[in-house]
Amino acid sequence: MRESYRSDLREVKKVTEFSYVRFHNILHDEVGVYDEDEQGHPVYNFAYVDQIYDGLLKNGVRPFVEISFMPKKLALRQDVHPFWYKQIVAPPKDYAKWDDLIRAFAQHLVDRYGLDEVAQWYFEVWNEPTSTSGVAIPSKPLISSYMTTPRGAESGEPAAARGRPASSSAHWVDSFIQHAAAENVPTDFISSHSYGTIPWKIYLGPTKTFR
């Protein structure tokens, strides 16, 4: 995160007192999290992740972590979205490697910031999987089993809040709730975002409540 962004963050925080920031692409190749050696073995580097999250926490803001998008060398296809930052919206070529990446990412956060701190963060697993800006990643949140460390699971200590893939304009909320109930998918929150062009009630209907 550039210092100019941090400066803007501080100015906005003075006015709004917001406490979380959500943004795309923590797994983007420019962040350098994932690579593979000549034998195809994963190589992780969380140095830039640390700089980003350190900058947020130093300024009194916690990450609202969106697990996205797919690192180039882990992608099944090079499906590049037309947005200017060219995120790859393909599924992983190897779900075991994706699984290991999320496990390593989560464990690194706990090791660096402590379980008590990370337990106060929110984690979305992917973004808009039913739209052109996303891709169909399995709906069971992969982060759920990794944010509860063995120590936390045995002692009853809190794990971070884990949510489904984010949708836009409340799309896919009903079907996800039905799936989570039927399959006993651990989900602490459901999130969606609006682009500000159509009122929420158009999507939700007059008898539904969204918070």
N, C-alpha and C. Protein backbone atom coordinates (compact mmCIF):
# COMPACT_ATOMS: atom_id res chain seq x y z
N MET A 1 0.84 -1.19 0.00
CA MET A 1 0.00 0.00 0.00
C MET A 1 0.88 1.25 0.00
N ARG A 2 0.67 2.10 -1.00
CA ARG A 2 1.46 3.32 -1.09
C ARG A 2 1.14 4.26 0.07
N GLU A 3 2.12 5.08 0.42
CA GLU A 3 1.92 6.02 1.52
C GLU A 3 0.81 7.02 1.18
N SER A 4 0.65 7.35 -0.09
CA SER A 4 -0.43 8.27 -0.47
C SER A 4 -1.79 7.65 -0.15
N TYR A 5 -1.92 6.33 -0.32
CA TYR A 5 -3.17 5.66 0.04
C TYR A 5 -3.38 5.70 1.56
N ARG A 6 -2.31 5.49 2.29
CA ARG A 6 -2.41 5.52 3.75
C ARG A 6 -2.79 6.92 4.24
N SER A 7 -2.26 7.92 3.57
CA SER A 7 -2.61 9.29 3.91
C SER A 7 -4.09 9.54 3.67
N ASP A 8 -4.59 9.08 2.53
CA ASP A 8 -6.02 9.21 2.24
C ASP A 8 -6.84 8.46 3.28
N LEU A 9 -6.37 7.27 3.65
CA LEU A 9 -7.07 6.47 4.65
C LEU A 9 -7.19 7.24 5.97
N ARG A 10 -6.11 7.87 6.39
CA ARG A 10 -6.13 8.61 7.65
C ARG A 10 -7.11 9.78 7.60
N GLU A 11 -7.15 10.45 6.45
CA GLU A 11 -8.06 11.59 6.33
C GLU A 11 -9.51 11.15 6.36
N VAL A 12 -9.82 10.06 5.66
CA VAL A 12 -11.20 9.56 5.66
C VAL A 12 -11.60 9.06 7.04
N LYS A 13 -10.66 8.40 7.71
CA LYS A 13 -10.95 7.86 9.04
C LYS A 13 -11.27 8.97 10.04
N LYS A 14 -10.64 10.13 9.89
CA LYS A 14 -10.94 11.26 10.77
C LYS A 14 -12.41 11.66 10.68
N VAL A 15 -12.97 11.49 9.51
CA VAL A 15 -14.34 11.94 9.27
C VAL A 15 -15.36 10.84 9.55
N THR A 16 -15.01 9.60 9.22
CA THR A 16 -16.00 8.52 9.27
C THR A 16 -15.79 7.52 10.40
N GLU A 17 -14.57 7.42 10.92
CA GLU A 17 -14.25 6.43 11.95
C GLU A 17 -14.57 5.00 11.51
N PHE A 18 -14.36 4.70 10.23
CA PHE A 18 -14.55 3.34 9.76
C PHE A 18 -13.48 2.43 10.35
N SER A 19 -13.77 1.15 10.47
CA SER A 19 -12.85 0.25 11.18
C SER A 19 -12.35 -0.92 10.32
N TYR A 20 -12.92 -1.12 9.12
CA TYR A 20 -12.49 -2.21 8.24
C TYR A 20 -12.37 -1.69 6.80
N VAL A 21 -11.47 -2.32 6.06
CA VAL A 21 -11.33 -2.02 4.63
C VAL A 21 -11.35 -3.33 3.85
N ARG A 22 -12.17 -3.37 2.83
CA ARG A 22 -12.24 -4.53 1.93
C ARG A 22 -11.71 -4.12 0.56
N PHE A 23 -10.90 -4.97 -0.04
CA PHE A 23 -10.41 -4.69 -1.38
C PHE A 23 -10.08 -6.00 -2.10
N HIS A 24 -9.98 -5.92 -3.41
CA HIS A 24 -9.72 -7.08 -4.24
C HIS A 24 -8.22 -7.44 -4.26
N ASN A 25 -7.99 -8.71 -4.68
CA ASN A 25 -6.70 -9.09 -5.29
C ASN A 25 -5.52 -9.22 -4.34
N ILE A 26 -5.74 -9.68 -3.13
CA ILE A 26 -4.60 -9.91 -2.24
C ILE A 26 -3.70 -11.03 -2.79
N LEU A 27 -4.24 -11.87 -3.67
CA LEU A 27 -3.43 -12.95 -4.26
C LEU A 27 -2.95 -12.61 -5.67
N HIS A 28 -3.08 -11.37 -6.08
CA HIS A 28 -2.63 -10.95 -7.41
C HIS A 28 -1.13 -11.15 -7.54
N ASP A 29 -0.69 -11.42 -8.76
CA ASP A 29 0.74 -11.67 -8.98
C ASP A 29 1.61 -10.47 -8.62
N GLU A 30 1.06 -9.25 -8.71
CA GLU A 30 1.85 -8.08 -8.33
C GLU A 30 2.14 -8.04 -6.83
N VAL A 31 1.32 -8.73 -6.04
CA VAL A 31 1.58 -8.83 -4.61
C VAL A 31 2.62 -9.91 -4.33
N GLY A 32 2.79 -10.84 -5.27
CA GLY A 32 3.89 -11.80 -5.19
C GLY A 32 3.71 -12.94 -4.22
N VAL A 33 2.46 -13.26 -3.88
CA VAL A 33 2.21 -14.29 -2.88
C VAL A 33 2.60 -15.68 -3.38
N TYR A 34 2.26 -15.98 -4.64
CA TYR A 34 2.41 -17.36 -5.12
C TYR A 34 3.32 -17.43 -6.34
N ASP A 35 4.21 -18.41 -6.30
CA ASP A 35 5.05 -18.74 -7.45
C ASP A 35 5.30 -20.24 -7.42
N GLU A 36 5.93 -20.76 -8.46
CA GLU A 36 6.30 -22.17 -8.49
C GLU A 36 7.74 -22.28 -8.99
N ASP A 37 8.48 -23.23 -8.42
CA ASP A 37 9.84 -23.43 -8.89
C ASP A 37 9.84 -24.26 -10.17
N GLU A 38 11.01 -24.64 -10.65
CA GLU A 38 11.12 -25.35 -11.91
C GLU A 38 10.46 -26.72 -11.88
N GLN A 39 10.32 -27.27 -10.69
CA GLN A 39 9.67 -28.57 -10.53
C GLN A 39 8.17 -28.44 -10.28
N GLY A 40 7.68 -27.22 -10.25
CA GLY A 40 6.26 -27.00 -10.03
C GLY A 40 5.85 -26.97 -8.58
N HIS A 41 6.82 -26.89 -7.68
CA HIS A 41 6.51 -26.82 -6.26
C HIS A 41 6.15 -25.39 -5.87
N PRO A 42 5.13 -25.21 -5.05
CA PRO A 42 4.72 -23.86 -4.65
C PRO A 42 5.79 -23.13 -3.87
N VAL A 43 5.89 -21.82 -4.11
CA VAL A 43 6.77 -20.93 -3.37
C VAL A 43 5.92 -19.76 -2.89
N TYR A 44 5.86 -19.52 -1.58
CA TYR A 44 5.04 -18.45 -1.02
C TYR A 44 5.92 -17.29 -0.58
N ASN A 45 5.38 -16.10 -0.73
CA ASN A 45 6.07 -14.89 -0.27
C ASN A 45 5.01 -13.90 0.22
N PHE A 46 4.96 -13.65 1.51
CA PHE A 46 3.93 -12.80 2.08
C PHE A 46 4.47 -11.41 2.47
N ALA A 47 5.62 -11.04 1.92
CA ALA A 47 6.25 -9.78 2.31
C ALA A 47 5.35 -8.58 2.00
N TYR A 48 4.77 -8.53 0.79
CA TYR A 48 3.92 -7.40 0.43
C TYR A 48 2.58 -7.46 1.16
N VAL A 49 2.09 -8.66 1.41
CA VAL A 49 0.87 -8.79 2.21
C VAL A 49 1.10 -8.15 3.58
N ASP A 50 2.24 -8.42 4.17
CA ASP A 50 2.57 -7.85 5.48
C ASP A 50 2.60 -6.32 5.41
N GLN A 51 3.20 -5.78 4.36
CA GLN A 51 3.26 -4.33 4.23
C GLN A 51 1.86 -3.72 4.13
N ILE A 52 0.99 -4.38 3.39
CA ILE A 52 -0.38 -3.88 3.21
C ILE A 52 -1.14 -3.92 4.53
N TYR A 53 -1.13 -5.07 5.18
CA TYR A 53 -1.91 -5.22 6.41
C TYR A 53 -1.27 -4.45 7.57
N ASP A 54 0.05 -4.39 7.61
CA ASP A 54 0.72 -3.58 8.64
C ASP A 54 0.27 -2.13 8.53
N GLY A 55 0.18 -1.63 7.30
CA GLY A 55 -0.21 -0.25 7.08
C GLY A 55 -1.63 0.03 7.53
N LEU A 56 -2.52 -0.93 7.30
CA LEU A 56 -3.90 -0.76 7.77
C LEU A 56 -3.97 -0.75 9.29
N LEU A 57 -3.36 -1.76 9.90
CA LEU A 57 -3.44 -1.90 11.35
C LEU A 57 -2.78 -0.73 12.07
N LYS A 58 -1.69 -0.24 11.53
CA LYS A 58 -0.99 0.90 12.13
C LYS A 58 -1.89 2.13 12.19
N ASN A 59 -2.82 2.21 11.25
CA ASN A 59 -3.73 3.35 11.18
C ASN A 59 -5.10 3.05 11.76
N GLY A 60 -5.18 1.97 12.54
CA GLY A 60 -6.42 1.69 13.25
C GLY A 60 -7.52 1.09 12.43
N VAL A 61 -7.17 0.44 11.33
CA VAL A 61 -8.16 -0.17 10.45
C VAL A 61 -7.80 -1.64 10.25
N ARG A 62 -8.78 -2.51 10.37
CA ARG A 62 -8.54 -3.95 10.18
C ARG A 62 -8.90 -4.38 8.76
N PRO A 63 -8.23 -5.43 8.26
CA PRO A 63 -8.57 -5.95 6.94
C PRO A 63 -9.90 -6.70 6.94
N PHE A 64 -10.68 -6.46 5.93
CA PHE A 64 -11.83 -7.30 5.57
C PHE A 64 -11.34 -8.08 4.36
N VAL A 65 -10.85 -9.28 4.59
CA VAL A 65 -10.05 -10.00 3.60
C VAL A 65 -10.94 -10.70 2.58
N GLU A 66 -10.75 -10.33 1.33
CA GLU A 66 -11.40 -11.05 0.23
C GLU A 66 -10.35 -11.96 -0.41
N ILE A 67 -10.57 -13.26 -0.35
CA ILE A 67 -9.62 -14.22 -0.92
C ILE A 67 -9.78 -14.22 -2.43
N SER A 68 -8.93 -13.47 -3.11
CA SER A 68 -9.01 -13.37 -4.57
C SER A 68 -7.72 -12.71 -5.09
N PHE A 69 -7.44 -12.73 -6.42
CA PHE A 69 -8.05 -13.67 -7.34
C PHE A 69 -7.07 -14.81 -7.57
N MET A 70 -7.03 -15.44 -8.71
CA MET A 70 -6.18 -16.61 -8.88
C MET A 70 -4.78 -16.22 -9.36
N PRO A 71 -3.74 -16.65 -8.66
CA PRO A 71 -2.37 -16.43 -9.15
C PRO A 71 -2.17 -17.09 -10.51
N LYS A 72 -1.40 -16.45 -11.36
CA LYS A 72 -1.22 -16.90 -12.74
C LYS A 72 -0.76 -18.34 -12.82
N LYS A 73 0.23 -18.72 -12.03
CA LYS A 73 0.79 -20.07 -12.14
C LYS A 73 -0.09 -21.13 -11.49
N LEU A 74 -1.13 -20.71 -10.80
CA LEU A 74 -2.05 -21.66 -10.18
C LEU A 74 -3.36 -21.76 -10.96
N ALA A 75 -3.53 -20.90 -11.95
CA ALA A 75 -4.80 -20.83 -12.67
C ALA A 75 -4.95 -21.97 -13.68
N LEU A 76 -6.17 -22.50 -13.76
CA LEU A 76 -6.47 -23.51 -14.75
C LEU A 76 -6.40 -22.95 -16.16
N ARG A 77 -6.89 -21.72 -16.30
CA ARG A 77 -6.86 -21.01 -17.58
C ARG A 77 -6.43 -19.57 -17.31
N GLN A 78 -5.94 -18.92 -18.32
CA GLN A 78 -5.57 -17.52 -18.19
C GLN A 78 -6.77 -16.64 -18.56
N ASP A 79 -7.82 -16.75 -17.76
CA ASP A 79 -9.03 -15.96 -17.96
C ASP A 79 -8.83 -14.59 -17.31
N VAL A 80 -8.39 -13.64 -18.10
CA VAL A 80 -8.08 -12.32 -17.58
C VAL A 80 -9.29 -11.41 -17.72
N HIS A 81 -9.72 -10.82 -16.62
CA HIS A 81 -10.86 -9.92 -16.63
C HIS A 81 -10.45 -8.58 -17.26
N PRO A 82 -11.36 -7.89 -17.94
CA PRO A 82 -10.98 -6.64 -18.62
C PRO A 82 -10.75 -5.44 -17.71
N PHE A 83 -10.97 -5.57 -16.40
CA PHE A 83 -10.65 -4.45 -15.51
C PHE A 83 -9.17 -4.09 -15.65
N TRP A 84 -8.83 -2.84 -15.28
CA TRP A 84 -7.48 -2.35 -15.54
C TRP A 84 -6.41 -3.14 -14.82
N TYR A 85 -6.74 -3.76 -13.68
CA TYR A 85 -5.71 -4.50 -12.95
C TYR A 85 -5.60 -5.95 -13.39
N LYS A 86 -6.42 -6.36 -14.39
CA LYS A 86 -6.24 -7.63 -15.10
C LYS A 86 -6.21 -8.84 -14.17
N GLN A 87 -7.20 -8.95 -13.32
CA GLN A 87 -7.26 -10.10 -12.43
C GLN A 87 -7.63 -11.37 -13.19
N ILE A 88 -7.10 -12.49 -12.74
CA ILE A 88 -7.41 -13.79 -13.35
C ILE A 88 -8.57 -14.41 -12.58
N VAL A 89 -9.65 -14.71 -13.29
CA VAL A 89 -10.87 -15.19 -12.65
C VAL A 89 -11.14 -16.67 -12.91
N ALA A 90 -10.09 -17.41 -13.24
CA ALA A 90 -10.21 -18.84 -13.49
C ALA A 90 -10.12 -19.62 -12.17
N PRO A 91 -10.66 -20.84 -12.16
CA PRO A 91 -10.46 -21.71 -10.98
C PRO A 91 -9.03 -22.22 -10.93
N PRO A 92 -8.62 -22.83 -9.84
CA PRO A 92 -7.25 -23.36 -9.75
C PRO A 92 -7.08 -24.59 -10.62
N LYS A 93 -5.88 -24.79 -11.11
CA LYS A 93 -5.58 -25.99 -11.89
C LYS A 93 -5.41 -27.20 -10.98
N ASP A 94 -5.12 -26.93 -9.72
CA ASP A 94 -4.88 -27.99 -8.75
C ASP A 94 -5.47 -27.55 -7.42
N TYR A 95 -6.59 -28.18 -7.03
CA TYR A 95 -7.25 -27.76 -5.81
C TYR A 95 -6.43 -28.08 -4.55
N ALA A 96 -5.56 -29.06 -4.63
CA ALA A 96 -4.70 -29.35 -3.48
C ALA A 96 -3.72 -28.20 -3.26
N LYS A 97 -3.19 -27.64 -4.35
CA LYS A 97 -2.28 -26.50 -4.23
C LYS A 97 -3.02 -25.26 -3.75
N TRP A 98 -4.24 -25.06 -4.24
CA TRP A 98 -5.07 -23.95 -3.77
C TRP A 98 -5.35 -24.10 -2.27
N ASP A 99 -5.70 -25.32 -1.89
CA ASP A 99 -5.94 -25.64 -0.50
C ASP A 99 -4.72 -25.29 0.36
N ASP A 100 -3.55 -25.72 -0.09
CA ASP A 100 -2.32 -25.47 0.66
C ASP A 100 -2.00 -23.97 0.73
N LEU A 101 -2.27 -23.25 -0.36
CA LEU A 101 -2.02 -21.81 -0.38
C LEU A 101 -2.88 -21.11 0.67
N ILE A 102 -4.16 -21.44 0.73
CA ILE A 102 -5.05 -20.79 1.69
C ILE A 102 -4.64 -21.16 3.12
N ARG A 103 -4.24 -22.41 3.31
CA ARG A 103 -3.78 -22.83 4.62
C ARG A 103 -2.54 -22.03 5.04
N ALA A 104 -1.58 -21.91 4.13
CA ALA A 104 -0.35 -21.18 4.43
C ALA A 104 -0.62 -19.70 4.67
N PHE A 105 -1.49 -19.13 3.87
CA PHE A 105 -1.86 -17.72 4.02
C PHE A 105 -2.48 -17.47 5.38
N ALA A 106 -3.44 -18.30 5.75
CA ALA A 106 -4.12 -18.14 7.03
C ALA A 106 -3.16 -18.33 8.20
N GLN A 107 -2.31 -19.36 8.09
CA GLN A 107 -1.37 -19.63 9.18
C GLN A 107 -0.37 -18.49 9.32
N HIS A 108 0.05 -17.92 8.19
CA HIS A 108 0.98 -16.79 8.25
C HIS A 108 0.36 -15.61 8.99
N LEU A 109 -0.92 -15.33 8.71
CA LEU A 109 -1.59 -14.22 9.38
C LEU A 109 -1.66 -14.44 10.88
N VAL A 110 -1.98 -15.66 11.27
CA VAL A 110 -2.05 -15.97 12.70
C VAL A 110 -0.67 -15.86 13.35
N ASP A 111 0.35 -16.36 12.65
CA ASP A 111 1.71 -16.31 13.19
C ASP A 111 2.19 -14.86 13.35
N ARG A 112 1.84 -14.01 12.40
CA ARG A 112 2.36 -12.64 12.41
C ARG A 112 1.56 -11.73 13.35
N TYR A 113 0.23 -11.86 13.29
CA TYR A 113 -0.60 -10.90 14.02
C TYR A 113 -1.24 -11.48 15.28
N GLY A 114 -1.18 -12.78 15.43
CA GLY A 114 -1.76 -13.42 16.60
C GLY A 114 -3.22 -13.80 16.39
N LEU A 115 -3.61 -14.89 17.01
CA LEU A 115 -4.97 -15.39 16.83
C LEU A 115 -6.01 -14.42 17.37
N ASP A 116 -5.71 -13.76 18.48
CA ASP A 116 -6.67 -12.82 19.06
C ASP A 116 -6.97 -11.67 18.10
N GLU A 117 -5.95 -11.20 17.37
CA GLU A 117 -6.16 -10.11 16.40
C GLU A 117 -6.89 -10.62 15.16
N VAL A 118 -6.40 -11.71 14.58
CA VAL A 118 -6.99 -12.21 13.34
C VAL A 118 -8.43 -12.67 13.57
N ALA A 119 -8.74 -13.09 14.77
CA ALA A 119 -10.11 -13.50 15.09
C ALA A 119 -11.10 -12.36 14.95
N GLN A 120 -10.61 -11.14 14.87
CA GLN A 120 -11.50 -9.98 14.71
C GLN A 120 -11.63 -9.55 13.26
N TRP A 121 -10.98 -10.27 12.35
CA TRP A 121 -11.07 -9.97 10.93
C TRP A 121 -12.22 -10.73 10.29
N TYR A 122 -12.61 -10.29 9.10
CA TYR A 122 -13.60 -11.00 8.30
C TYR A 122 -12.93 -11.54 7.03
N PHE A 123 -13.37 -12.72 6.61
CA PHE A 123 -12.79 -13.36 5.43
C PHE A 123 -13.90 -13.77 4.46
N GLU A 124 -13.84 -13.23 3.27
CA GLU A 124 -14.72 -13.66 2.18
C GLU A 124 -13.93 -14.60 1.28
N VAL A 125 -14.56 -15.67 0.87
CA VAL A 125 -13.89 -16.61 -0.01
C VAL A 125 -14.36 -16.36 -1.44
N TRP A 126 -13.58 -15.53 -2.13
CA TRP A 126 -13.82 -15.17 -3.52
C TRP A 126 -14.80 -14.02 -3.64
N ASN A 127 -14.99 -13.56 -4.87
CA ASN A 127 -15.84 -12.41 -5.16
C ASN A 127 -16.70 -12.67 -6.38
N GLU A 128 -17.99 -12.45 -6.26
CA GLU A 128 -18.95 -12.53 -7.36
C GLU A 128 -18.75 -13.77 -8.24
N PRO A 129 -18.88 -14.95 -7.67
CA PRO A 129 -18.65 -16.16 -8.47
C PRO A 129 -19.71 -16.40 -9.53
N THR A 130 -20.82 -15.69 -9.46
CA THR A 130 -21.87 -15.89 -10.46
C THR A 130 -21.91 -14.77 -11.48
N SER A 131 -20.91 -13.89 -11.47
CA SER A 131 -20.88 -12.81 -12.44
C SER A 131 -19.64 -12.91 -13.30
N THR A 132 -19.50 -11.99 -14.24
CA THR A 132 -18.35 -12.03 -15.14
C THR A 132 -17.06 -11.63 -14.44
N SER A 133 -17.16 -11.06 -13.23
CA SER A 133 -15.93 -10.67 -12.53
C SER A 133 -15.45 -11.75 -11.58
N GLY A 134 -16.13 -12.90 -11.58
CA GLY A 134 -15.73 -13.97 -10.69
C GLY A 134 -15.68 -15.30 -11.41
N VAL A 135 -15.62 -16.36 -10.65
CA VAL A 135 -15.57 -17.69 -11.22
C VAL A 135 -16.12 -18.65 -10.17
N ALA A 136 -16.62 -19.76 -10.61
CA ALA A 136 -17.25 -20.71 -9.69
C ALA A 136 -16.21 -21.46 -8.88
N ILE A 137 -15.91 -20.98 -7.71
CA ILE A 137 -15.09 -21.67 -6.72
C ILE A 137 -16.06 -22.44 -5.82
N PRO A 138 -15.70 -23.63 -5.33
CA PRO A 138 -16.64 -24.38 -4.49
C PRO A 138 -17.22 -23.52 -3.38
N SER A 139 -18.52 -23.67 -3.16
CA SER A 139 -19.22 -22.76 -2.26
C SER A 139 -18.91 -23.01 -0.79
N LYS A 140 -18.40 -24.18 -0.41
CA LYS A 140 -18.00 -24.38 0.97
C LYS A 140 -16.75 -23.55 1.23
N PRO A 141 -16.79 -22.63 2.18
CA PRO A 141 -15.65 -21.74 2.39
C PRO A 141 -14.39 -22.50 2.78
N LEU A 142 -13.40 -22.45 1.92
CA LEU A 142 -12.16 -23.18 2.18
C LEU A 142 -11.42 -22.62 3.39
N ILE A 143 -11.66 -21.36 3.68
CA ILE A 143 -10.93 -20.75 4.79
C ILE A 143 -11.39 -21.29 6.14
N SER A 144 -12.57 -21.87 6.21
CA SER A 144 -13.18 -22.18 7.50
C SER A 144 -12.34 -23.14 8.33
N SER A 145 -11.77 -24.16 7.71
CA SER A 145 -11.02 -25.15 8.47
C SER A 145 -9.61 -24.71 8.78
N TYR A 146 -9.17 -23.60 8.16
CA TYR A 146 -7.79 -23.20 8.32
C TYR A 146 -7.61 -22.08 9.33
N MET A 147 -8.64 -21.29 9.56
CA MET A 147 -8.51 -20.20 10.51
C MET A 147 -8.67 -20.69 11.94
N THR A 148 -9.15 -21.90 12.15
CA THR A 148 -9.21 -22.48 13.48
C THR A 148 -7.99 -23.37 13.64
N THR A 149 -6.98 -22.86 14.31
CA THR A 149 -5.77 -23.64 14.52
C THR A 149 -6.05 -24.77 15.51
N PRO A 150 -5.21 -25.81 15.54
CA PRO A 150 -5.43 -26.88 16.54
C PRO A 150 -5.52 -26.34 17.96
N ARG A 151 -4.68 -25.35 18.28
CA ARG A 151 -4.73 -24.77 19.63
C ARG A 151 -6.08 -24.10 19.86
N GLY A 152 -6.54 -23.37 18.87
CA GLY A 152 -7.81 -22.70 19.03
C GLY A 152 -8.97 -23.67 19.09
N ALA A 153 -8.92 -24.72 18.29
CA ALA A 153 -10.01 -25.68 18.28
C ALA A 153 -10.09 -26.43 19.60
N GLU A 154 -8.94 -26.75 20.19
CA GLU A 154 -8.93 -27.52 21.43
C GLU A 154 -9.31 -26.66 22.63
N SER A 155 -8.96 -25.39 22.59
CA SER A 155 -9.20 -24.53 23.75
C SER A 155 -10.48 -23.74 23.67
N GLY A 156 -11.12 -23.79 22.49
CA GLY A 156 -12.33 -23.02 22.31
C GLY A 156 -12.08 -21.56 22.01
N GLU A 157 -10.83 -21.20 21.66
CA GLU A 157 -10.53 -19.81 21.34
C GLU A 157 -11.21 -19.44 20.02
N PRO A 158 -11.50 -18.16 19.83
CA PRO A 158 -12.26 -17.75 18.64
C PRO A 158 -11.47 -17.89 17.36
N ALA A 159 -12.15 -18.23 16.30
CA ALA A 159 -11.56 -18.22 14.96
C ALA A 159 -12.11 -17.01 14.23
N ALA A 160 -11.44 -16.63 13.15
CA ALA A 160 -11.89 -15.48 12.38
C ALA A 160 -13.25 -15.76 11.74
N ALA A 161 -14.01 -14.69 11.53
CA ALA A 161 -15.32 -14.84 10.88
C ALA A 161 -15.11 -15.18 9.42
N ARG A 162 -15.76 -16.23 8.96
CA ARG A 162 -15.60 -16.64 7.57
C ARG A 162 -16.95 -16.57 6.86
N GLY A 163 -16.91 -16.02 5.66
CA GLY A 163 -18.13 -15.83 4.90
C GLY A 163 -18.05 -16.46 3.53
N ARG A 164 -19.16 -16.52 2.90
CA ARG A 164 -19.25 -17.08 1.56
C ARG A 164 -18.61 -16.13 0.56
N PRO A 165 -18.50 -16.54 -0.69
CA PRO A 165 -18.07 -15.59 -1.72
C PRO A 165 -19.02 -14.41 -1.79
N ALA A 166 -18.48 -13.22 -1.90
CA ALA A 166 -19.32 -12.02 -1.95
C ALA A 166 -20.09 -11.98 -3.26
N SER A 167 -21.29 -11.47 -3.19
CA SER A 167 -22.08 -11.26 -4.41
C SER A 167 -22.32 -9.77 -4.57
N SER A 168 -22.84 -9.41 -5.72
CA SER A 168 -23.26 -8.03 -5.93
C SER A 168 -24.78 -7.98 -5.93
N SER A 169 -25.32 -6.92 -5.34
CA SER A 169 -26.76 -6.65 -5.38
C SER A 169 -27.61 -7.81 -4.87
N ALA A 170 -27.10 -8.50 -3.85
CA ALA A 170 -27.81 -9.59 -3.16
C ALA A 170 -28.08 -10.81 -4.04
N HIS A 171 -27.41 -10.89 -5.18
CA HIS A 171 -27.55 -12.08 -6.02
C HIS A 171 -27.03 -13.32 -5.29
N TRP A 172 -27.72 -14.44 -5.44
CA TRP A 172 -27.24 -15.74 -4.98
C TRP A 172 -27.32 -15.91 -3.47
N VAL A 173 -27.87 -14.94 -2.75
CA VAL A 173 -27.94 -15.04 -1.30
C VAL A 173 -28.89 -16.17 -0.88
N ASP A 174 -30.09 -16.20 -1.44
CA ASP A 174 -31.07 -17.21 -1.05
C ASP A 174 -30.55 -18.62 -1.31
N SER A 175 -29.99 -18.84 -2.50
CA SER A 175 -29.53 -20.19 -2.85
C SER A 175 -28.36 -20.61 -1.97
N PHE A 176 -27.49 -19.64 -1.59
CA PHE A 176 -26.38 -20.00 -0.72
C PHE A 176 -26.87 -20.38 0.67
N ILE A 177 -27.82 -19.65 1.20
CA ILE A 177 -28.37 -19.98 2.52
C ILE A 177 -28.97 -21.38 2.50
N GLN A 178 -29.69 -21.71 1.44
CA GLN A 178 -30.27 -23.05 1.33
C GLN A 178 -29.18 -24.12 1.27
N HIS A 179 -28.13 -23.85 0.51
CA HIS A 179 -27.02 -24.80 0.40
C HIS A 179 -26.31 -24.96 1.74
N ALA A 180 -26.04 -23.84 2.42
CA ALA A 180 -25.33 -23.89 3.69
C ALA A 180 -26.12 -24.68 4.72
N ALA A 181 -27.45 -24.49 4.73
CA ALA A 181 -28.29 -25.21 5.68
C ALA A 181 -28.32 -26.70 5.35
N ALA A 182 -28.41 -27.02 4.08
CA ALA A 182 -28.52 -28.43 3.67
C ALA A 182 -27.22 -29.18 3.87
N GLU A 183 -26.09 -28.52 3.63
CA GLU A 183 -24.79 -29.18 3.69
C GLU A 183 -24.02 -28.88 4.97
N ASN A 184 -24.63 -28.14 5.88
CA ASN A 184 -23.98 -27.78 7.14
C ASN A 184 -22.65 -27.07 6.89
N VAL A 185 -22.67 -26.10 6.00
CA VAL A 185 -21.47 -25.33 5.68
C VAL A 185 -21.26 -24.25 6.75
N PRO A 186 -20.11 -24.23 7.41
CA PRO A 186 -19.87 -23.22 8.45
C PRO A 186 -19.74 -21.83 7.83
N THR A 187 -20.65 -20.95 8.16
CA THR A 187 -20.65 -19.60 7.60
C THR A 187 -21.05 -18.61 8.68
N ASP A 188 -20.19 -17.66 8.98
CA ASP A 188 -20.46 -16.70 10.04
C ASP A 188 -21.18 -15.46 9.56
N PHE A 189 -21.05 -15.13 8.30
CA PHE A 189 -21.76 -13.96 7.79
C PHE A 189 -21.96 -14.12 6.28
N ILE A 190 -22.88 -13.35 5.76
CA ILE A 190 -23.17 -13.32 4.33
C ILE A 190 -23.05 -11.87 3.88
N SER A 191 -22.27 -11.63 2.85
CA SER A 191 -22.02 -10.26 2.43
C SER A 191 -22.38 -10.07 0.96
N SER A 192 -22.76 -8.86 0.66
CA SER A 192 -23.05 -8.47 -0.71
C SER A 192 -22.76 -6.98 -0.81
N HIS A 193 -22.60 -6.50 -2.03
CA HIS A 193 -22.33 -5.09 -2.21
C HIS A 193 -23.13 -4.56 -3.39
N SER A 194 -23.42 -3.29 -3.34
CA SER A 194 -24.19 -2.64 -4.40
C SER A 194 -23.30 -1.67 -5.15
N TYR A 195 -23.59 -1.50 -6.42
CA TYR A 195 -22.87 -0.52 -7.22
C TYR A 195 -23.59 0.82 -7.25
N GLY A 196 -24.64 0.93 -6.46
CA GLY A 196 -25.29 2.22 -6.26
C GLY A 196 -26.23 2.67 -7.35
N THR A 197 -26.54 1.80 -8.30
CA THR A 197 -27.37 2.22 -9.42
C THR A 197 -28.83 1.78 -9.28
N ILE A 198 -29.09 0.74 -8.50
CA ILE A 198 -30.45 0.21 -8.36
C ILE A 198 -30.74 0.01 -6.88
N PRO A 199 -31.90 0.45 -6.39
CA PRO A 199 -32.21 0.30 -4.96
C PRO A 199 -32.20 -1.16 -4.53
N TRP A 200 -31.77 -1.40 -3.27
CA TRP A 200 -31.71 -2.75 -2.74
C TRP A 200 -33.06 -3.45 -2.83
N LYS A 201 -34.15 -2.72 -2.61
CA LYS A 201 -35.46 -3.37 -2.55
C LYS A 201 -35.85 -4.01 -3.87
N ILE A 202 -35.27 -3.57 -4.95
CA ILE A 202 -35.55 -4.20 -6.24
C ILE A 202 -35.06 -5.64 -6.24
N TYR A 203 -33.90 -5.88 -5.61
CA TYR A 203 -33.34 -7.22 -5.55
C TYR A 203 -33.95 -8.06 -4.43
N LEU A 204 -34.22 -7.42 -3.31
CA LEU A 204 -34.63 -8.15 -2.12
C LEU A 204 -36.12 -8.40 -2.06
N GLY A 205 -36.90 -7.55 -2.68
CA GLY A 205 -38.35 -7.69 -2.61
C GLY A 205 -38.88 -6.98 -1.38
N PRO A 206 -40.16 -6.68 -1.37
CA PRO A 206 -40.74 -5.85 -0.29
C PRO A 206 -40.83 -6.56 1.05
N THR A 207 -40.74 -7.89 1.09
CA THR A 207 -40.94 -8.60 2.37
C THR A 207 -39.63 -9.06 2.98
N LYS A 208 -38.48 -8.73 2.36
CA LYS A 208 -37.20 -9.19 2.86
C LYS A 208 -36.45 -8.07 3.55
N THR A 209 -35.62 -8.45 4.48
CA THR A 209 -34.79 -7.49 5.20
C THR A 209 -33.33 -7.83 4.96
N PHE A 210 -32.52 -6.82 4.68
CA PHE A 210 -31.08 -7.03 4.47
C PHE A 210 -30.32 -6.13 5.42
N ARG A 211 -29.35 -6.72 6.15
CA ARG A 211 -28.53 -5.95 7.07
C ARG A 211 -27.05 -6.21 6.79
